[in-house]
N, C-alpha and C. Protein backbone atom coordinates (compact mmCIF):
# COMPACT_ATOMS: atom_id res chain seq x y z
N UNK A 1 13.27 8.96 4.60
CA UNK A 1 12.54 8.53 3.43
C UNK A 1 11.25 7.84 3.87
N UNK A 2 10.17 8.15 3.16
CA UNK A 2 8.85 7.59 3.46
C UNK A 2 8.27 7.01 2.17
N UNK A 3 7.61 5.88 2.29
CA UNK A 3 7.02 5.22 1.14
C UNK A 3 5.50 5.27 1.18
N UNK A 4 4.91 5.48 0.02
CA UNK A 4 3.49 5.22 -0.19
C UNK A 4 3.47 3.88 -0.90
N UNK A 5 2.63 2.97 -0.44
CA UNK A 5 2.64 1.64 -1.03
C UNK A 5 1.21 1.13 -1.24
N UNK A 6 1.11 0.19 -2.17
CA UNK A 6 -0.14 -0.51 -2.41
C UNK A 6 0.16 -2.00 -2.32
N UNK A 7 -0.66 -2.70 -1.55
CA UNK A 7 -0.58 -4.16 -1.50
C UNK A 7 -1.87 -4.73 -2.08
N UNK A 8 -1.73 -5.90 -2.69
CA UNK A 8 -2.92 -6.63 -3.15
C UNK A 8 -3.16 -7.75 -2.14
N UNK A 9 -4.36 -7.78 -1.59
CA UNK A 9 -4.73 -8.82 -0.64
C UNK A 9 -5.10 -10.09 -1.40
N UNK A 10 -5.17 -11.19 -0.69
CA UNK A 10 -5.44 -12.47 -1.36
C UNK A 10 -6.81 -12.53 -2.01
N UNK A 11 -7.73 -11.63 -1.65
CA UNK A 11 -9.05 -11.58 -2.28
C UNK A 11 -9.13 -10.53 -3.38
N UNK A 12 -7.97 -9.94 -3.75
CA UNK A 12 -7.93 -8.96 -4.83
C UNK A 12 -8.11 -7.51 -4.39
N UNK A 13 -8.44 -7.29 -3.12
CA UNK A 13 -8.61 -5.94 -2.58
C UNK A 13 -7.26 -5.21 -2.56
N UNK A 14 -7.27 -3.92 -2.88
CA UNK A 14 -6.05 -3.11 -2.80
C UNK A 14 -6.08 -2.28 -1.53
N UNK A 15 -4.96 -2.29 -0.82
CA UNK A 15 -4.80 -1.49 0.41
C UNK A 15 -3.64 -0.53 0.17
N UNK A 16 -3.85 0.75 0.46
CA UNK A 16 -2.82 1.78 0.29
C UNK A 16 -2.42 2.30 1.65
N UNK A 17 -1.11 2.47 1.87
CA UNK A 17 -0.62 2.97 3.14
C UNK A 17 0.69 3.72 2.99
N UNK A 18 1.22 4.20 4.12
CA UNK A 18 2.53 4.85 4.13
C UNK A 18 3.36 4.26 5.27
N UNK A 19 4.68 4.26 5.08
CA UNK A 19 5.59 3.73 6.08
C UNK A 19 7.00 4.22 5.80
N UNK A 20 7.82 4.21 6.83
CA UNK A 20 9.24 4.53 6.64
C UNK A 20 10.08 3.25 6.50
N UNK A 21 9.46 2.09 6.79
CA UNK A 21 10.17 0.81 6.68
C UNK A 21 9.26 -0.17 5.95
N UNK A 22 9.41 -0.23 4.65
CA UNK A 22 8.50 -0.99 3.80
C UNK A 22 8.55 -2.49 4.09
N UNK A 23 9.72 -3.04 4.21
CA UNK A 23 9.85 -4.48 4.45
C UNK A 23 9.16 -4.88 5.76
N UNK A 24 9.42 -4.10 6.82
CA UNK A 24 8.80 -4.38 8.11
C UNK A 24 7.28 -4.27 8.04
N UNK A 25 6.81 -3.25 7.33
CA UNK A 25 5.36 -3.01 7.26
C UNK A 25 4.64 -4.14 6.54
N UNK A 26 5.21 -4.64 5.45
CA UNK A 26 4.59 -5.75 4.73
C UNK A 26 4.56 -6.99 5.62
N UNK A 27 5.64 -7.22 6.35
CA UNK A 27 5.68 -8.35 7.29
C UNK A 27 4.60 -8.19 8.36
N UNK A 28 4.44 -6.98 8.88
CA UNK A 28 3.40 -6.72 9.89
C UNK A 28 2.01 -7.02 9.32
N UNK A 29 1.76 -6.58 8.09
CA UNK A 29 0.46 -6.86 7.47
C UNK A 29 0.23 -8.37 7.41
N UNK A 30 1.23 -9.10 6.97
CA UNK A 30 1.07 -10.54 6.79
C UNK A 30 0.96 -11.31 8.11
N UNK A 31 1.52 -10.76 9.18
CA UNK A 31 1.42 -11.39 10.49
C UNK A 31 0.23 -10.89 11.31
N UNK A 32 -0.45 -9.86 10.81
CA UNK A 32 -1.60 -9.31 11.52
C UNK A 32 -1.23 -8.39 12.66
N UNK A 33 -0.03 -7.80 12.60
CA UNK A 33 0.45 -6.90 13.65
C UNK A 33 0.22 -5.44 13.23
N UNK A 34 -0.48 -4.68 14.07
CA UNK A 34 -0.72 -3.25 13.80
C UNK A 34 -1.26 -3.02 12.40
N UNK A 35 -2.30 -3.71 12.03
CA UNK A 35 -2.86 -3.57 10.69
C UNK A 35 -4.38 -3.62 10.72
N UNK A 36 -4.98 -2.97 9.77
CA UNK A 36 -6.44 -3.03 9.65
C UNK A 36 -6.86 -4.06 8.61
N UNK A 37 -5.89 -4.74 8.02
CA UNK A 37 -6.20 -5.77 7.04
C UNK A 37 -6.67 -7.02 7.78
N UNK A 38 -7.85 -7.47 7.44
CA UNK A 38 -8.46 -8.61 8.12
C UNK A 38 -7.72 -9.91 7.80
N UNK A 39 -7.81 -10.86 8.72
CA UNK A 39 -7.19 -12.17 8.54
C UNK A 39 -7.57 -12.82 7.22
N UNK A 40 -8.83 -12.67 6.84
CA UNK A 40 -9.33 -13.30 5.61
C UNK A 40 -8.72 -12.71 4.34
N UNK A 41 -8.09 -11.55 4.47
CA UNK A 41 -7.48 -10.89 3.30
C UNK A 41 -5.98 -11.14 3.18
N UNK A 42 -5.42 -11.89 4.11
CA UNK A 42 -4.00 -12.16 4.08
C UNK A 42 -3.73 -13.48 3.39
N UNK A 43 -2.56 -13.67 2.83
CA UNK A 43 -1.41 -12.76 2.82
C UNK A 43 -1.58 -11.64 1.80
N UNK A 44 -0.74 -10.62 1.95
CA UNK A 44 -0.74 -9.51 1.01
C UNK A 44 0.56 -9.54 0.20
N UNK A 45 0.51 -8.90 -0.96
CA UNK A 45 1.68 -8.83 -1.83
C UNK A 45 1.89 -7.37 -2.23
N UNK A 46 3.11 -6.87 -2.05
CA UNK A 46 3.43 -5.52 -2.46
C UNK A 46 3.37 -5.42 -3.98
N UNK A 47 2.57 -4.47 -4.50
CA UNK A 47 2.44 -4.33 -5.95
C UNK A 47 2.87 -2.96 -6.46
N UNK A 48 3.06 -1.99 -5.54
CA UNK A 48 3.44 -0.64 -5.97
C UNK A 48 4.05 0.12 -4.80
N UNK A 49 5.01 1.00 -5.12
CA UNK A 49 5.58 1.88 -4.09
C UNK A 49 6.14 3.14 -4.73
N UNK A 50 6.12 4.21 -3.95
CA UNK A 50 6.72 5.50 -4.33
C UNK A 50 7.49 6.01 -3.13
N UNK A 51 8.61 6.72 -3.37
CA UNK A 51 9.42 7.29 -2.28
C UNK A 51 9.17 8.79 -2.15
N UNK A 52 9.15 9.24 -0.91
CA UNK A 52 9.00 10.67 -0.62
C UNK A 52 10.00 11.07 0.46
N UNK A 53 10.35 12.33 0.47
CA UNK A 53 11.30 12.84 1.47
C UNK A 53 10.63 13.22 2.78
N UNK A 54 9.32 13.47 2.74
CA UNK A 54 8.64 13.86 3.99
C UNK A 54 7.35 13.07 4.16
N UNK A 55 6.99 12.87 5.41
CA UNK A 55 5.76 12.16 5.75
C UNK A 55 4.54 12.95 5.25
N UNK A 56 4.63 14.26 5.29
CA UNK A 56 3.53 15.10 4.85
C UNK A 56 3.24 14.90 3.36
N UNK A 57 4.29 14.86 2.55
CA UNK A 57 4.12 14.61 1.11
C UNK A 57 3.51 13.24 0.87
N UNK A 58 4.03 12.24 1.59
CA UNK A 58 3.55 10.87 1.43
C UNK A 58 2.08 10.76 1.85
N UNK A 59 1.71 11.40 2.93
CA UNK A 59 0.33 11.34 3.41
C UNK A 59 -0.63 11.98 2.41
N UNK A 60 -0.19 13.04 1.78
CA UNK A 60 -1.01 13.71 0.76
C UNK A 60 -1.24 12.77 -0.42
N UNK A 61 -0.19 12.10 -0.86
CA UNK A 61 -0.28 11.17 -1.99
C UNK A 61 -1.13 9.94 -1.61
N UNK A 62 -0.95 9.44 -0.39
CA UNK A 62 -1.75 8.31 0.07
C UNK A 62 -3.23 8.65 0.00
N UNK A 63 -3.60 9.81 0.49
CA UNK A 63 -5.00 10.23 0.49
C UNK A 63 -5.53 10.32 -0.94
N UNK A 64 -4.69 10.85 -1.83
CA UNK A 64 -5.08 10.97 -3.24
C UNK A 64 -5.38 9.58 -3.83
N UNK A 65 -4.45 8.65 -3.64
CA UNK A 65 -4.61 7.30 -4.20
C UNK A 65 -5.81 6.59 -3.59
N UNK A 66 -6.02 6.75 -2.30
CA UNK A 66 -7.15 6.10 -1.63
C UNK A 66 -8.49 6.56 -2.21
N UNK A 67 -8.53 7.75 -2.79
CA UNK A 67 -9.76 8.27 -3.38
C UNK A 67 -10.01 7.79 -4.81
N UNK A 68 -9.05 7.08 -5.36
CA UNK A 68 -9.16 6.62 -6.75
C UNK A 68 -10.05 5.39 -6.87
N UNK A 69 -10.50 5.17 -8.10
CA UNK A 69 -11.22 3.95 -8.42
C UNK A 69 -10.23 2.79 -8.52
N UNK A 70 -10.75 1.58 -8.45
CA UNK A 70 -9.91 0.39 -8.61
C UNK A 70 -9.20 0.42 -9.96
N UNK A 71 -9.92 0.81 -11.00
CA UNK A 71 -9.36 0.84 -12.35
C UNK A 71 -8.16 1.79 -12.43
N UNK A 72 -8.28 2.94 -11.80
CA UNK A 72 -7.18 3.92 -11.82
C UNK A 72 -5.97 3.39 -11.03
N UNK A 73 -6.22 2.72 -9.91
CA UNK A 73 -5.12 2.11 -9.14
C UNK A 73 -4.42 1.04 -9.97
N UNK A 74 -5.20 0.23 -10.68
CA UNK A 74 -4.60 -0.82 -11.51
C UNK A 74 -3.77 -0.24 -12.64
N UNK A 75 -4.19 0.89 -13.18
CA UNK A 75 -3.40 1.56 -14.22
C UNK A 75 -2.07 2.04 -13.65
N UNK A 76 -2.09 2.60 -12.45
CA UNK A 76 -0.86 3.04 -11.78
C UNK A 76 0.06 1.85 -11.54
N UNK A 77 -0.49 0.77 -11.03
CA UNK A 77 0.31 -0.44 -10.75
C UNK A 77 0.91 -0.99 -12.03
N UNK A 78 0.14 -1.03 -13.09
CA UNK A 78 0.63 -1.60 -14.35
C UNK A 78 1.68 -0.69 -15.02
N UNK A 79 1.75 0.57 -14.61
CA UNK A 79 2.72 1.49 -15.20
C UNK A 79 4.16 1.08 -14.82
N UNK A 80 4.31 0.23 -13.82
CA UNK A 80 5.63 -0.25 -13.41
C UNK A 80 6.16 -1.34 -14.32
N UNK A 81 5.28 -2.01 -15.04
CA UNK A 81 5.68 -3.19 -15.81
C UNK A 81 5.87 -2.88 -17.27
């Protein structure tokens, strides 16, 4: 199982990624381990996730979401609530 996820950084920036271990990945982001999220943007909070059976499917969806506007990402995130 692979997850596509969105985290909200402490400055409001949205970061989209993929991982097979969501809990570990969020911890890594917050500790600054293997992440491109800058220190000034931490801590991060998980705000959205989707499950996929293959990394290829997840990577395709990640790329799609990364191309979206902030407004469209916020609409997706709010669809959970």
